[in-house]
Amino acid sequence: MSYDVSRRHYPLVQERTIDERLIIPRKGGIYRLCGSGFAGKTMRQYAEAWTAMALMNGQYVHWIDGACRFNPARILRCFPEALPEANYLLHNLFVGRGFTVHQFASLIQRITSELSITAAKLIVVDGPVVMHLDTQVKEREARTLLKRCMAKLTEVAEQNDIAVIVITAAKAYSKRHKALLDIVDKQCNQKLLGKRKRQGGVAKMWLVHQPSGSSGFREQWSEQETLQQTYSRILHQQLCSDQGQDINELILLD
């Protein structure tokens, strides 16, 4: 006897959604967010949501803007509407922007002294590769400077037991770009890759996390989803599973 079992009776692997509780940054290392668009911009919202969560817990956050695109309004949209005087939380967010590769390197090297004052538990470096692609900077010099920056960030993360998030493109568009992305990747012990896939005519964000190996579509992905919705979903999932912990432990896991 034979049975004609159609594949439609089984859920497709690609239909599953990722458990976002498993992709929260852990302290003591560098977490790489890599996506599509300029310097991985499609994954920036995760860094923004985690920044908002840290600020809500009264923590200080350092944001080093290597992509020249920081917008505080995007952080504000992560806060719940009912949160009073959310603007004041931004006072605990310290933003540094380097317009040249050497200015960027200087910001990285100064972070140790700044942490001695703020005791921040989260650092976000948006677009660490961008300035190093400047054609006026020789390739060897660019690689040397980026290696120093990444080594410094690793040192800071380990010695201060904090989380460092870097945002980069997932794919290189040139040999030089690939060499720089490889330098970043070698220093990261956590990574979240996001790329858009079409399923049933709908664009969804497929996520792959390392080292957990967890993968799946982002829950309720849509082009119109706001940062606040992303934040609320992540926070809600964490609170449901870890009701006995404070928000600090939910954001940056040991």
Protein backbone atom coordinates (compact mmCIF):
# COMPACT_ATOMS: atom_id res chain seq x y z
CA MET A 1 0.00 0.00 0.00
CA SER A 2 1.33 3.42 -0.86
CA TYR A 3 0.34 6.84 0.35
CA ASP A 4 0.45 10.04 -1.64
CA VAL A 5 1.45 12.54 1.03
CA SER A 6 1.54 16.10 -0.28
CA ARG A 7 4.22 18.45 0.95
CA ARG A 8 1.53 20.97 1.76
CA HIS A 9 0.58 18.92 4.80
CA TYR A 10 3.90 19.78 6.39
CA PRO A 11 4.95 23.25 7.53
CA LEU A 12 7.82 24.65 5.52
CA VAL A 13 11.01 25.26 7.44
CA GLN A 14 11.11 28.77 6.03
CA GLU A 15 7.76 29.60 7.67
CA ARG A 16 9.07 29.49 11.20
CA THR A 17 9.76 32.68 13.11
CA ILE A 18 12.94 33.19 15.07
CA ASP A 19 12.79 33.28 18.86
CA GLU A 20 14.08 36.81 19.47
CA ARG A 21 14.86 35.96 23.09
CA LEU A 22 17.81 33.95 21.77
CA ILE A 23 19.38 36.82 19.85
CA ILE A 24 19.82 39.36 22.65
CA PRO A 25 23.45 40.62 22.88
CA ARG A 26 25.63 39.04 25.55
CA LYS A 27 28.12 40.98 27.60
CA GLY A 28 31.84 40.52 27.17
CA GLY A 29 32.00 40.40 23.38
CA ILE A 30 31.24 42.03 20.05
CA TYR A 31 27.88 41.43 18.36
CA ARG A 32 27.72 41.98 14.61
CA LEU A 33 24.46 43.01 12.97
CA CYS A 34 24.77 42.54 9.22
CA GLY A 35 22.11 43.34 6.66
CA SER A 36 21.48 44.85 3.28
CA GLY A 37 21.47 48.48 2.22
CA PHE A 38 24.14 51.05 3.02
CA ALA A 39 26.33 49.68 5.84
CA GLY A 40 23.68 47.12 6.82
CA LYS A 41 20.93 49.66 7.46
CA THR A 42 18.14 47.06 7.42
CA MET A 43 19.44 45.65 10.73
CA ARG A 44 19.93 49.00 12.45
CA GLN A 45 16.53 48.83 14.11
CA TYR A 46 17.71 46.04 16.43
CA ALA A 47 20.53 48.23 17.76
CA GLU A 48 18.05 51.07 18.18
CA ALA A 49 15.57 48.87 20.07
CA TRP A 50 18.25 47.50 22.40
CA THR A 51 19.54 51.02 22.97
CA ALA A 52 16.07 52.16 23.98
CA MET A 53 15.74 49.23 26.36
CA ALA A 54 19.05 50.10 28.04
CA LEU A 55 18.06 53.77 28.36
CA MET A 56 14.74 52.81 29.93
CA ASN A 57 16.66 50.88 32.54
CA GLY A 58 18.64 53.98 33.46
CA GLN A 59 21.82 52.86 31.73
CA TYR A 60 24.19 55.02 29.71
CA VAL A 61 24.81 54.09 26.09
CA HIS A 62 27.59 55.16 23.73
CA TRP A 63 26.73 55.35 20.02
CA ILE A 64 29.62 55.88 17.61
CA ASP A 65 28.27 56.92 14.23
CA GLY A 66 30.64 55.83 11.49
CA ALA A 67 27.90 55.90 8.84
CA CYS A 68 26.85 59.54 9.44
CA ARG A 69 23.17 58.67 9.73
CA PHE A 70 22.27 58.76 13.44
CA ASN A 71 18.79 60.13 14.05
CA PRO A 72 17.57 60.46 17.67
CA ALA A 73 13.96 60.40 16.48
CA ARG A 74 14.40 56.73 15.59
CA ILE A 75 15.36 55.97 19.20
CA LEU A 76 12.41 57.97 20.51
CA ARG A 77 10.02 55.91 18.40
CA CYS A 78 11.22 52.80 20.23
CA PHE A 79 9.85 54.05 23.55
CA PRO A 80 6.25 53.16 24.51
CA GLU A 81 3.86 56.05 23.88
CA ALA A 82 2.80 56.01 27.53
CA LEU A 83 6.34 56.59 28.77
CA PRO A 84 6.46 60.09 30.31
CA GLU A 85 9.19 62.53 29.28
CA ALA A 86 10.93 60.04 27.02
CA ASN A 87 13.07 62.85 25.62
CA TYR A 88 14.98 63.03 28.88
CA LEU A 89 16.17 59.45 28.45
CA LEU A 90 18.23 60.59 25.48
CA HIS A 91 20.42 62.57 27.89
CA ASN A 92 22.03 59.22 28.77
CA LEU A 93 22.88 58.53 25.14
CA PHE A 94 26.31 59.81 24.10
CA VAL A 95 26.78 60.12 20.35
CA GLY A 96 30.16 60.51 18.66
CA ARG A 97 30.56 61.05 14.93
CA GLY A 98 33.79 60.82 12.97
CA PHE A 99 33.79 62.37 9.51
CA THR A 100 37.17 60.88 8.58
CA VAL A 101 38.83 57.55 9.25
CA HIS A 102 41.23 59.15 11.71
CA GLN A 103 38.44 60.93 13.59
CA PHE A 104 36.61 57.62 13.80
CA ALA A 105 39.72 55.87 15.13
CA SER A 106 40.14 58.60 17.73
CA LEU A 107 36.59 58.07 18.98
CA ILE A 108 37.25 54.37 19.43
CA GLN A 109 40.51 54.92 21.28
CA ARG A 110 38.84 57.40 23.68
CA ILE A 111 36.06 55.06 24.67
CA THR A 112 37.96 53.59 27.62
CA SER A 113 38.30 56.95 29.36
CA GLU A 114 34.66 57.75 28.66
CA LEU A 115 33.52 54.46 30.15
CA SER A 116 35.38 55.30 33.35
CA ILE A 117 32.92 58.18 33.70
CA THR A 118 29.66 56.73 32.38
CA ALA A 119 30.05 53.03 33.29
CA ALA A 120 27.89 52.31 30.24
CA LYS A 121 26.94 48.70 29.56
CA LEU A 122 26.26 49.07 25.85
CA ILE A 123 28.25 50.51 22.95
CA VAL A 124 26.89 50.71 19.41
CA VAL A 125 29.26 51.30 16.49
CA ASP A 126 27.26 51.99 13.35
CA GLY A 127 29.18 51.50 10.11
CA PRO A 128 32.72 50.82 11.38
CA VAL A 129 33.86 49.97 7.85
CA VAL A 130 32.47 53.02 6.03
CA MET A 131 35.26 55.51 6.74
CA HIS A 132 37.89 52.91 5.91
CA LEU A 133 36.57 52.71 2.35
CA ASP A 134 37.71 56.27 1.62
CA THR A 135 39.83 56.05 -1.53
CA GLN A 136 42.09 58.81 -0.19
CA VAL A 137 43.20 56.36 2.49
CA LYS A 138 45.54 53.65 1.28
CA GLU A 139 44.25 50.12 1.64
CA ARG A 140 47.03 48.98 3.95
CA GLU A 141 46.53 51.97 6.24
CA ALA A 142 42.77 51.38 6.27
CA ARG A 143 43.21 47.74 7.28
CA THR A 144 45.72 48.67 9.99
CA LEU A 145 43.46 51.31 11.49
CA LEU A 146 40.41 49.05 11.46
CA LYS A 147 42.34 46.21 13.09
CA ARG A 148 43.36 48.57 15.89
CA CYS A 149 39.78 49.77 16.32
CA MET A 150 38.35 46.26 16.48
CA ALA A 151 41.08 45.10 18.87
CA LYS A 152 40.26 48.07 21.10
CA LEU A 153 36.54 47.28 21.05
CA THR A 154 37.25 43.66 21.96
CA GLU A 155 39.44 44.79 24.83
CA VAL A 156 36.78 47.19 26.06
CA ALA A 157 34.03 44.56 25.87
CA GLU A 158 36.05 41.94 27.74
CA GLN A 159 37.65 44.11 30.41
CA ASN A 160 34.47 46.03 31.21
CA ASP A 161 32.09 43.09 30.71
CA ILE A 162 29.84 45.05 28.37
CA ALA A 163 28.16 44.45 25.01
CA VAL A 164 29.49 46.09 21.86
CA ILE A 165 27.26 46.07 18.78
CA VAL A 166 28.66 46.79 15.31
CA ILE A 167 26.46 47.28 12.23
CA THR A 168 27.84 46.35 8.81
CA ALA A 169 26.80 45.24 5.37
CA ALA A 170 26.33 41.51 4.93
CA LYS A 171 27.95 41.38 1.49
CA ALA A 172 31.05 43.07 0.15
CA TYR A 173 30.98 44.98 -3.11
CA SER A 174 34.75 45.07 -3.66
CA LYS A 175 37.94 43.27 -2.69
CA ARG A 176 38.82 46.07 -0.29
CA HIS A 177 35.38 45.99 1.27
CA LYS A 178 35.59 42.22 1.79
CA ALA A 179 38.99 42.50 3.49
CA LEU A 180 37.59 45.09 5.90
CA LEU A 181 34.45 43.08 6.65
CA ASP A 182 36.64 40.04 7.36
CA ILE A 183 38.60 42.08 9.92
CA VAL A 184 35.38 42.97 11.70
CA ASP A 185 33.99 39.45 11.55
CA LYS A 186 37.09 37.87 13.10
CA GLN A 187 36.61 39.94 16.26
CA CYS A 188 32.91 39.14 16.70
CA ASN A 189 31.71 36.26 18.85
CA GLN A 190 28.03 36.88 18.05
CA LYS A 191 26.33 37.66 14.75
CA LEU A 192 22.84 38.25 13.44
CA LEU A 193 22.41 38.14 9.68
CA GLY A 194 19.24 39.49 8.14
CA LYS A 195 18.19 39.25 4.52
CA ARG A 196 14.89 39.71 2.79
CA LYS A 197 13.14 36.78 1.17
CA ARG A 198 9.90 36.64 -0.72
CA GLN A 199 7.34 34.07 0.32
CA GLY A 200 3.89 33.99 -1.12
CA GLY A 201 4.53 37.33 -2.78
CA VAL A 202 5.35 38.96 0.57
CA ALA A 203 8.80 40.28 1.51
CA LYS A 204 9.96 38.95 4.88
CA MET A 205 13.15 39.26 6.89
CA TRP A 206 15.00 35.96 7.33
CA LEU A 207 17.34 35.97 10.33
CA VAL A 208 20.27 33.69 11.15
CA HIS A 209 21.97 33.96 14.54
CA GLN A 210 25.38 32.69 15.57
CA PRO A 211 26.58 31.01 17.70
CA SER A 212 23.13 29.69 18.70
CA GLY A 213 22.37 28.51 15.16
CA SER A 214 18.82 29.81 15.54
CA SER A 215 17.13 30.95 12.34
CA GLY A 216 13.73 31.98 11.09
CA PHE A 217 11.65 34.84 9.81
CA ARG A 218 11.33 37.94 11.90
CA GLU A 219 7.96 37.91 13.56
CA GLN A 220 5.30 40.00 11.81
CA TRP A 221 7.78 41.47 9.36
CA SER A 222 6.36 44.20 7.15
CA GLU A 223 7.78 47.20 5.38
CA GLN A 224 5.62 49.47 7.55
CA GLU A 225 6.57 48.05 10.95
CA THR A 226 7.70 50.83 13.26
CA LEU A 227 10.66 50.74 15.60
CA GLN A 228 8.24 50.99 18.50
CA GLN A 229 6.53 47.79 17.35
CA THR A 230 9.90 46.06 17.04
CA TYR A 231 10.90 47.23 20.51
CA SER A 232 7.58 46.29 22.09
CA ARG A 233 7.69 42.80 20.61
CA ILE A 234 11.26 42.12 21.77
CA LEU A 235 10.61 43.47 25.25
CA HIS A 236 7.30 41.61 25.56
CA GLN A 237 8.86 38.30 24.59
CA GLN A 238 11.62 38.77 27.13
CA LEU A 239 9.28 39.77 29.96
CA CYS A 240 7.01 36.80 29.30
CA SER A 241 9.89 34.34 29.60
CA ASP A 242 11.91 36.02 32.37
CA GLN A 243 9.38 37.74 34.62
CA GLY A 244 11.63 37.41 37.65
CA GLN A 245 14.55 39.31 36.13
CA ASP A 246 14.99 43.04 35.86
CA ILE A 247 15.26 44.69 32.47
CA ASN A 248 19.03 45.03 32.79
CA GLU A 249 19.45 41.27 32.78
CA LEU A 250 17.01 40.90 29.92
CA ILE A 251 18.90 43.20 27.63
CA LEU A 252 22.48 42.12 28.10
CA LEU A 253 22.82 38.51 29.11
CA ASP A 254 25.78 37.14 31.02
